[in-house]
Amino acid sequence: MEQREKPIYVLYQNKTRTIVPKFISFIILGVIFYVGILLNLALLALTGSEETVVKMVALVLLLLIIAVGAYITFHKAHLPYTFYRNRILFNKKDIFYSNMSHVIVKRDIFDKIFKTYSLDVGHHLYVRHIPDTLNIQQYVQQLVSYSQRT
């Protein structure tokens, strides 16, 4: 039987920061999509019943897409970053410390609103939605330095 490696640290994302901006973008994009469909329907010569059916199908499809997107967002928001001796694991993807070129704090407008930050660890890899109350940059930098020395 294979013995599993124990994590040295588990970091949970700020769920509010993860979910709220995605949900807002889903709603805005959904409204734009639906308005586009209504505009196209106005330009077509459809009977009243055909137009109603198309509107309902479009609305159901739109709600289904938003529901699937919300489910995926909720699922990803509950996934932790798991730190091991030689890597960070997130969503079944490994980020090895030896592949990290730098550890830089990044903040965007939503990070400022929700009091979070992200760590840019190089090669377009990020540890996202870290609460401001946790200063994990130095910890990750030490893990990267240790990994590069060994």
N, C-alpha and C. Protein backbone atom coordinates (compact mmCIF):
# COMPACT_ATOMS: atom_id res chain seq x y z
N MET A 1 0.84 -1.18 0.00
CA MET A 1 0.00 0.00 0.00
C MET A 1 0.89 1.25 0.00
N GLU A 2 0.56 2.22 -0.85
CA GLU A 2 1.34 3.44 -0.99
C GLU A 2 1.04 4.39 0.17
N GLN A 3 2.09 4.92 0.78
CA GLN A 3 1.92 5.86 1.87
C GLN A 3 1.84 7.26 1.28
N ARG A 4 0.82 8.00 1.67
CA ARG A 4 0.61 9.34 1.13
C ARG A 4 1.48 10.35 1.87
N GLU A 5 2.00 11.29 1.11
CA GLU A 5 2.82 12.36 1.67
C GLU A 5 1.91 13.32 2.44
N LYS A 6 2.35 13.73 3.62
CA LYS A 6 1.56 14.64 4.43
C LYS A 6 1.86 16.08 4.03
N PRO A 7 0.83 16.90 3.90
CA PRO A 7 1.07 18.30 3.56
C PRO A 7 1.71 19.05 4.73
N ILE A 8 2.50 20.07 4.40
CA ILE A 8 3.09 20.89 5.46
C ILE A 8 2.23 22.11 5.77
N TYR A 9 1.33 22.46 4.84
CA TYR A 9 0.42 23.58 5.07
C TYR A 9 -0.75 23.47 4.10
N VAL A 10 -1.94 23.85 4.56
CA VAL A 10 -3.13 23.87 3.70
C VAL A 10 -3.71 25.28 3.75
N LEU A 11 -3.83 25.90 2.59
CA LEU A 11 -4.32 27.27 2.48
C LEU A 11 -5.66 27.28 1.77
N TYR A 12 -6.68 27.79 2.46
CA TYR A 12 -8.00 27.89 1.84
C TYR A 12 -8.18 29.29 1.25
N GLN A 13 -8.81 29.34 0.09
CA GLN A 13 -9.06 30.61 -0.57
C GLN A 13 -10.15 31.38 0.16
N ASN A 14 -10.18 32.69 -0.04
CA ASN A 14 -11.27 33.51 0.44
C ASN A 14 -12.46 33.24 -0.48
N LYS A 15 -13.46 32.56 0.04
CA LYS A 15 -14.58 32.11 -0.79
C LYS A 15 -15.38 33.27 -1.38
N THR A 16 -15.59 34.32 -0.59
CA THR A 16 -16.33 35.47 -1.08
C THR A 16 -15.63 36.09 -2.27
N ARG A 17 -14.31 36.23 -2.18
CA ARG A 17 -13.53 36.82 -3.27
C ARG A 17 -13.58 35.95 -4.52
N THR A 18 -13.69 34.67 -4.33
CA THR A 18 -13.72 33.75 -5.46
C THR A 18 -15.09 33.74 -6.13
N ILE A 19 -16.15 33.78 -5.35
CA ILE A 19 -17.50 33.56 -5.88
C ILE A 19 -18.16 34.84 -6.40
N VAL A 20 -18.12 35.92 -5.63
CA VAL A 20 -18.88 37.13 -5.98
C VAL A 20 -18.50 37.72 -7.34
N PRO A 21 -17.22 37.97 -7.64
CA PRO A 21 -16.91 38.53 -8.97
C PRO A 21 -17.33 37.62 -10.13
N LYS A 22 -17.17 36.31 -9.97
CA LYS A 22 -17.58 35.38 -11.02
C LYS A 22 -19.10 35.43 -11.22
N PHE A 23 -19.83 35.45 -10.11
CA PHE A 23 -21.28 35.47 -10.20
C PHE A 23 -21.76 36.76 -10.87
N ILE A 24 -21.15 37.89 -10.53
CA ILE A 24 -21.50 39.16 -11.15
C ILE A 24 -21.23 39.11 -12.65
N SER A 25 -20.08 38.56 -13.03
CA SER A 25 -19.76 38.48 -14.47
C SER A 25 -20.72 37.54 -15.19
N PHE A 26 -21.12 36.43 -14.55
CA PHE A 26 -22.10 35.53 -15.16
C PHE A 26 -23.41 36.27 -15.44
N ILE A 27 -23.87 37.04 -14.47
CA ILE A 27 -25.14 37.76 -14.62
C ILE A 27 -25.03 38.81 -15.72
N ILE A 28 -23.96 39.60 -15.71
CA ILE A 28 -23.80 40.65 -16.73
C ILE A 28 -23.70 40.05 -18.13
N LEU A 29 -22.87 39.03 -18.28
CA LEU A 29 -22.74 38.39 -19.59
C LEU A 29 -24.04 37.71 -20.02
N GLY A 30 -24.76 37.14 -19.07
CA GLY A 30 -26.05 36.52 -19.38
C GLY A 30 -27.06 37.54 -19.88
N VAL A 31 -27.10 38.70 -19.24
CA VAL A 31 -28.02 39.76 -19.67
C VAL A 31 -27.65 40.23 -21.08
N ILE A 32 -26.36 40.43 -21.33
CA ILE A 32 -25.92 40.86 -22.67
C ILE A 32 -26.30 39.81 -23.71
N PHE A 33 -26.07 38.55 -23.39
CA PHE A 33 -26.42 37.45 -24.31
C PHE A 33 -27.92 37.44 -24.60
N TYR A 34 -28.73 37.58 -23.55
CA TYR A 34 -30.18 37.53 -23.73
C TYR A 34 -30.69 38.74 -24.51
N VAL A 35 -30.13 39.91 -24.25
CA VAL A 35 -30.51 41.11 -25.01
C VAL A 35 -30.15 40.93 -26.48
N GLY A 36 -29.00 40.32 -26.75
CA GLY A 36 -28.62 40.03 -28.14
C GLY A 36 -29.61 39.11 -28.82
N ILE A 37 -30.07 38.10 -28.09
CA ILE A 37 -31.07 37.19 -28.65
C ILE A 37 -32.38 37.93 -28.92
N LEU A 38 -32.80 38.77 -27.97
CA LEU A 38 -34.04 39.54 -28.17
C LEU A 38 -33.92 40.47 -29.37
N LEU A 39 -32.76 41.08 -29.54
CA LEU A 39 -32.54 41.97 -30.68
C LEU A 39 -32.62 41.19 -31.99
N ASN A 40 -32.01 40.03 -32.04
CA ASN A 40 -32.08 39.19 -33.24
C ASN A 40 -33.51 38.73 -33.52
N LEU A 41 -34.25 38.40 -32.48
CA LEU A 41 -35.63 37.98 -32.67
C LEU A 41 -36.49 39.11 -33.22
N ALA A 42 -36.21 40.33 -32.79
CA ALA A 42 -36.97 41.48 -33.28
C ALA A 42 -36.75 41.69 -34.78
N LEU A 43 -35.58 41.31 -35.27
CA LEU A 43 -35.27 41.49 -36.68
C LEU A 43 -35.80 40.36 -37.56
N LEU A 44 -36.17 39.24 -36.95
CA LEU A 44 -36.71 38.11 -37.71
C LEU A 44 -38.23 38.22 -37.81
N ALA A 45 -38.77 37.68 -38.85
CA ALA A 45 -40.23 37.70 -39.03
C ALA A 45 -40.79 36.39 -38.48
N LEU A 46 -40.95 36.33 -37.15
CA LEU A 46 -41.49 35.13 -36.50
C LEU A 46 -42.90 35.40 -36.00
N THR A 47 -43.69 34.35 -35.92
CA THR A 47 -45.02 34.49 -35.33
C THR A 47 -44.85 34.63 -33.82
N GLY A 48 -45.91 35.04 -33.17
CA GLY A 48 -45.87 35.25 -31.73
C GLY A 48 -45.51 34.00 -30.95
N SER A 49 -46.07 32.86 -31.35
CA SER A 49 -45.79 31.62 -30.62
C SER A 49 -44.36 31.14 -30.86
N GLU A 50 -43.87 31.30 -32.10
CA GLU A 50 -42.48 30.92 -32.38
C GLU A 50 -41.51 31.78 -31.58
N GLU A 51 -41.81 33.06 -31.52
CA GLU A 51 -40.94 33.98 -30.77
C GLU A 51 -40.93 33.62 -29.28
N THR A 52 -42.07 33.27 -28.74
CA THR A 52 -42.16 32.88 -27.33
C THR A 52 -41.36 31.62 -27.06
N VAL A 53 -41.45 30.65 -27.95
CA VAL A 53 -40.71 29.39 -27.78
C VAL A 53 -39.20 29.66 -27.82
N VAL A 54 -38.76 30.46 -28.77
CA VAL A 54 -37.33 30.77 -28.89
C VAL A 54 -36.84 31.52 -27.65
N LYS A 55 -37.63 32.47 -27.16
CA LYS A 55 -37.26 33.21 -25.95
C LYS A 55 -37.13 32.28 -24.75
N MET A 56 -38.08 31.36 -24.62
CA MET A 56 -38.05 30.43 -23.48
C MET A 56 -36.86 29.47 -23.57
N VAL A 57 -36.59 28.96 -24.77
CA VAL A 57 -35.45 28.06 -24.95
C VAL A 57 -34.16 28.81 -24.64
N ALA A 58 -34.04 30.04 -25.13
CA ALA A 58 -32.83 30.84 -24.87
C ALA A 58 -32.68 31.12 -23.38
N LEU A 59 -33.78 31.44 -22.70
CA LEU A 59 -33.72 31.72 -21.27
C LEU A 59 -33.34 30.47 -20.47
N VAL A 60 -33.92 29.33 -20.82
CA VAL A 60 -33.58 28.08 -20.13
C VAL A 60 -32.12 27.72 -20.37
N LEU A 61 -31.66 27.86 -21.61
CA LEU A 61 -30.26 27.59 -21.93
C LEU A 61 -29.33 28.52 -21.16
N LEU A 62 -29.69 29.79 -21.11
CA LEU A 62 -28.89 30.76 -20.37
C LEU A 62 -28.83 30.43 -18.88
N LEU A 63 -29.96 30.09 -18.29
CA LEU A 63 -29.99 29.72 -16.87
C LEU A 63 -29.20 28.45 -16.61
N LEU A 64 -29.23 27.51 -17.54
CA LEU A 64 -28.46 26.28 -17.41
C LEU A 64 -26.96 26.59 -17.43
N ILE A 65 -26.54 27.45 -18.34
CA ILE A 65 -25.12 27.83 -18.42
C ILE A 65 -24.68 28.53 -17.14
N ILE A 66 -25.52 29.44 -16.63
CA ILE A 66 -25.19 30.14 -15.38
C ILE A 66 -25.13 29.15 -14.22
N ALA A 67 -26.05 28.19 -14.17
CA ALA A 67 -26.05 27.20 -13.09
C ALA A 67 -24.79 26.34 -13.13
N VAL A 68 -24.39 25.90 -14.31
CA VAL A 68 -23.17 25.09 -14.43
C VAL A 68 -21.95 25.92 -14.04
N GLY A 69 -21.90 27.17 -14.50
CA GLY A 69 -20.79 28.05 -14.13
C GLY A 69 -20.74 28.30 -12.63
N ALA A 70 -21.90 28.49 -12.01
CA ALA A 70 -21.95 28.70 -10.56
C ALA A 70 -21.49 27.46 -9.82
N TYR A 71 -21.89 26.28 -10.29
CA TYR A 71 -21.46 25.03 -9.65
C TYR A 71 -19.94 24.89 -9.72
N ILE A 72 -19.38 25.13 -10.89
CA ILE A 72 -17.92 25.02 -11.05
C ILE A 72 -17.21 26.04 -10.16
N THR A 73 -17.74 27.25 -10.11
CA THR A 73 -17.14 28.30 -9.27
C THR A 73 -17.19 27.92 -7.79
N PHE A 74 -18.35 27.43 -7.31
CA PHE A 74 -18.46 27.00 -5.92
C PHE A 74 -17.50 25.86 -5.62
N HIS A 75 -17.39 24.93 -6.55
CA HIS A 75 -16.48 23.79 -6.35
C HIS A 75 -15.03 24.27 -6.25
N LYS A 76 -14.61 25.14 -7.17
CA LYS A 76 -13.23 25.63 -7.15
C LYS A 76 -12.96 26.51 -5.93
N ALA A 77 -13.98 27.22 -5.45
CA ALA A 77 -13.79 28.10 -4.29
C ALA A 77 -13.50 27.30 -3.02
N HIS A 78 -13.95 26.07 -2.98
CA HIS A 78 -13.74 25.23 -1.80
C HIS A 78 -12.48 24.38 -1.88
N LEU A 79 -11.75 24.47 -2.98
CA LEU A 79 -10.50 23.71 -3.11
C LEU A 79 -9.36 24.46 -2.42
N PRO A 80 -8.59 23.76 -1.60
CA PRO A 80 -7.46 24.42 -0.93
C PRO A 80 -6.18 24.32 -1.77
N TYR A 81 -5.26 25.21 -1.47
CA TYR A 81 -3.88 25.07 -1.96
C TYR A 81 -3.17 24.23 -0.90
N THR A 82 -2.64 23.09 -1.30
CA THR A 82 -1.97 22.19 -0.38
C THR A 82 -0.47 22.26 -0.63
N PHE A 83 0.27 22.67 0.40
CA PHE A 83 1.72 22.83 0.29
C PHE A 83 2.41 21.56 0.76
N TYR A 84 3.28 21.03 -0.08
CA TYR A 84 4.11 19.88 0.26
C TYR A 84 5.56 20.33 0.29
N ARG A 85 6.44 19.42 0.60
CA ARG A 85 7.86 19.72 0.71
C ARG A 85 8.46 20.26 -0.59
N ASN A 86 7.96 19.78 -1.73
CA ASN A 86 8.56 20.16 -3.01
C ASN A 86 7.58 20.79 -4.01
N ARG A 87 6.31 20.98 -3.59
CA ARG A 87 5.33 21.49 -4.55
C ARG A 87 4.09 22.04 -3.84
N ILE A 88 3.28 22.74 -4.65
CA ILE A 88 1.96 23.18 -4.22
C ILE A 88 0.96 22.44 -5.11
N LEU A 89 -0.08 21.89 -4.50
CA LEU A 89 -1.10 21.16 -5.24
C LEU A 89 -2.40 21.96 -5.18
N PHE A 90 -2.99 22.19 -6.36
CA PHE A 90 -4.30 22.85 -6.43
C PHE A 90 -5.08 22.25 -7.59
N ASN A 91 -6.27 21.76 -7.31
CA ASN A 91 -7.15 21.21 -8.34
C ASN A 91 -6.44 20.12 -9.15
N LYS A 92 -5.74 19.26 -8.46
CA LYS A 92 -5.01 18.12 -9.05
C LYS A 92 -3.87 18.55 -9.96
N LYS A 93 -3.42 19.80 -9.83
CA LYS A 93 -2.29 20.29 -10.61
C LYS A 93 -1.16 20.66 -9.65
N ASP A 94 0.04 20.23 -10.00
CA ASP A 94 1.21 20.50 -9.17
C ASP A 94 1.96 21.73 -9.68
N ILE A 95 2.40 22.56 -8.75
CA ILE A 95 3.31 23.66 -9.05
C ILE A 95 4.57 23.37 -8.24
N PHE A 96 5.63 22.95 -8.89
CA PHE A 96 6.86 22.60 -8.19
C PHE A 96 7.64 23.86 -7.85
N TYR A 97 8.19 23.90 -6.63
CA TYR A 97 8.97 25.05 -6.20
C TYR A 97 10.16 25.29 -7.11
N SER A 98 10.73 24.22 -7.65
CA SER A 98 11.89 24.36 -8.53
C SER A 98 11.54 25.08 -9.83
N ASN A 99 10.26 25.11 -10.20
CA ASN A 99 9.82 25.80 -11.42
C ASN A 99 9.41 27.25 -11.16
N MET A 100 9.41 27.67 -9.91
CA MET A 100 9.01 29.04 -9.57
C MET A 100 10.20 29.96 -9.73
N SER A 101 10.03 30.99 -10.54
CA SER A 101 11.13 31.92 -10.77
C SER A 101 11.13 33.07 -9.78
N HIS A 102 9.97 33.42 -9.26
CA HIS A 102 9.86 34.51 -8.30
C HIS A 102 8.55 34.36 -7.52
N VAL A 103 8.42 35.12 -6.45
CA VAL A 103 7.20 35.13 -5.66
C VAL A 103 6.85 36.60 -5.41
N ILE A 104 5.85 37.09 -6.15
CA ILE A 104 5.50 38.51 -6.10
C ILE A 104 4.01 38.64 -5.74
N VAL A 105 3.71 39.58 -4.85
CA VAL A 105 2.32 39.86 -4.47
C VAL A 105 1.67 40.70 -5.58
N LYS A 106 0.48 40.29 -6.00
CA LYS A 106 -0.30 41.02 -7.00
C LYS A 106 -1.68 41.31 -6.43
N ARG A 107 -2.19 42.51 -6.71
CA ARG A 107 -3.54 42.89 -6.28
C ARG A 107 -4.26 43.54 -7.45
N ASP A 108 -5.52 43.16 -7.64
CA ASP A 108 -6.35 43.86 -8.62
C ASP A 108 -7.47 44.57 -7.86
N ILE A 109 -8.39 45.15 -8.58
CA ILE A 109 -9.46 45.93 -7.95
C ILE A 109 -10.31 45.07 -7.02
N PHE A 110 -10.60 43.83 -7.43
CA PHE A 110 -11.40 42.96 -6.57
C PHE A 110 -10.62 42.53 -5.33
N ASP A 111 -9.31 42.35 -5.46
CA ASP A 111 -8.49 42.02 -4.29
C ASP A 111 -8.54 43.15 -3.27
N LYS A 112 -8.52 44.39 -3.73
CA LYS A 112 -8.60 45.53 -2.81
C LYS A 112 -9.95 45.58 -2.12
N ILE A 113 -11.01 45.30 -2.87
CA ILE A 113 -12.36 45.32 -2.30
C ILE A 113 -12.53 44.22 -1.25
N PHE A 114 -12.06 43.01 -1.56
CA PHE A 114 -12.26 41.86 -0.68
C PHE A 114 -11.10 41.61 0.27
N LYS A 115 -10.12 42.52 0.28
CA LYS A 115 -8.95 42.42 1.18
C LYS A 115 -8.23 41.08 1.01
N THR A 116 -7.84 40.81 -0.23
CA THR A 116 -7.10 39.60 -0.56
C THR A 116 -5.93 39.98 -1.46
N TYR A 117 -5.13 38.99 -1.80
CA TYR A 117 -4.06 39.18 -2.77
C TYR A 117 -3.76 37.85 -3.43
N SER A 118 -2.95 37.91 -4.49
CA SER A 118 -2.51 36.71 -5.20
C SER A 118 -0.99 36.71 -5.23
N LEU A 119 -0.42 35.52 -5.29
CA LEU A 119 1.03 35.40 -5.44
C LEU A 119 1.33 34.95 -6.86
N ASP A 120 2.11 35.76 -7.56
CA ASP A 120 2.61 35.40 -8.88
C ASP A 120 3.90 34.62 -8.64
N VAL A 121 3.90 33.35 -9.02
CA VAL A 121 5.08 32.50 -8.79
C VAL A 121 5.82 32.19 -10.08
N GLY A 122 5.54 32.96 -11.13
CA GLY A 122 6.25 32.80 -12.39
C GLY A 122 5.57 31.86 -13.34
N HIS A 123 5.90 32.00 -14.60
CA HIS A 123 5.38 31.14 -15.68
C HIS A 123 3.86 31.13 -15.72
N HIS A 124 3.24 32.29 -15.48
CA HIS A 124 1.78 32.45 -15.50
C HIS A 124 1.08 31.55 -14.49
N LEU A 125 1.72 31.29 -13.37
CA LEU A 125 1.14 30.50 -12.29
C LEU A 125 0.88 31.41 -11.10
N TYR A 126 -0.29 31.24 -10.49
CA TYR A 126 -0.69 32.09 -9.37
C TYR A 126 -1.27 31.26 -8.24
N VAL A 127 -1.05 31.73 -7.02
CA VAL A 127 -1.78 31.26 -5.84
C VAL A 127 -2.74 32.40 -5.55
N ARG A 128 -4.03 32.18 -5.74
CA ARG A 128 -5.01 33.27 -5.75
C ARG A 128 -5.88 33.31 -4.49
N HIS A 129 -6.46 34.50 -4.29
CA HIS A 129 -7.48 34.76 -3.29
C HIS A 129 -7.02 34.45 -1.87
N ILE A 130 -5.84 34.92 -1.53
CA ILE A 130 -5.27 34.73 -0.19
C ILE A 130 -5.74 35.89 0.68
N PRO A 131 -6.30 35.64 1.85
CA PRO A 131 -6.71 36.73 2.73
C PRO A 131 -5.52 37.59 3.15
N ASP A 132 -5.74 38.91 3.26
CA ASP A 132 -4.68 39.83 3.68
C ASP A 132 -4.13 39.49 5.06
N THR A 133 -4.94 38.83 5.87
CA THR A 133 -4.50 38.50 7.23
C THR A 133 -3.39 37.46 7.25
N LEU A 134 -3.20 36.74 6.12
CA LEU A 134 -2.13 35.74 6.04
C LEU A 134 -0.98 36.29 5.20
N ASN A 135 0.19 36.38 5.81
CA ASN A 135 1.38 36.80 5.07
C ASN A 135 2.14 35.55 4.68
N ILE A 136 1.79 34.99 3.55
CA ILE A 136 2.37 33.72 3.14
C ILE A 136 3.48 33.89 2.11
N GLN A 137 3.70 35.12 1.64
CA GLN A 137 4.72 35.34 0.62
C GLN A 137 6.10 34.90 1.09
N GLN A 138 6.48 35.31 2.29
CA GLN A 138 7.81 34.94 2.80
C GLN A 138 7.93 33.43 2.98
N TYR A 139 6.87 32.80 3.42
CA TYR A 139 6.87 31.35 3.61
C TYR A 139 7.11 30.64 2.28
N VAL A 140 6.39 31.05 1.24
CA VAL A 140 6.55 30.44 -0.08
C VAL A 140 7.94 30.74 -0.62
N GLN A 141 8.43 31.96 -0.40
CA GLN A 141 9.77 32.32 -0.86
C GLN A 141 10.82 31.43 -0.19
N GLN A 142 10.65 31.14 1.10
CA GLN A 142 11.58 30.26 1.80
C GLN A 142 11.52 28.84 1.23
N LEU A 143 10.32 28.35 0.94
CA LEU A 143 10.18 27.02 0.35
C LEU A 143 10.85 26.96 -1.03
N VAL A 144 10.70 28.01 -1.82
CA VAL A 144 11.33 28.07 -3.14
C VAL A 144 12.84 28.09 -3.00
N SER A 145 13.35 28.91 -2.09
CA SER A 145 14.81 29.00 -1.87
C SER A 145 15.37 27.66 -1.40
N TYR A 146 14.68 27.03 -0.48
CA TYR A 146 15.12 25.73 0.02
C TYR A 146 15.13 24.69 -1.10
N SER A 147 14.09 24.70 -1.93
CA SER A 147 13.99 23.74 -3.03
C SER A 147 15.10 23.95 -4.05
N GLN A 148 15.46 25.19 -4.31
CA GLN A 148 16.49 25.47 -5.30
C GLN A 148 17.89 25.15 -4.77
N ARG A 149 18.06 25.16 -3.44
CA ARG A 149 19.36 24.81 -2.85
C ARG A 149 19.60 23.31 -2.84
N THR A 150 18.52 22.53 -2.78
CA THR A 150 18.68 21.07 -2.70
C THR A 150 18.62 20.41 -4.04
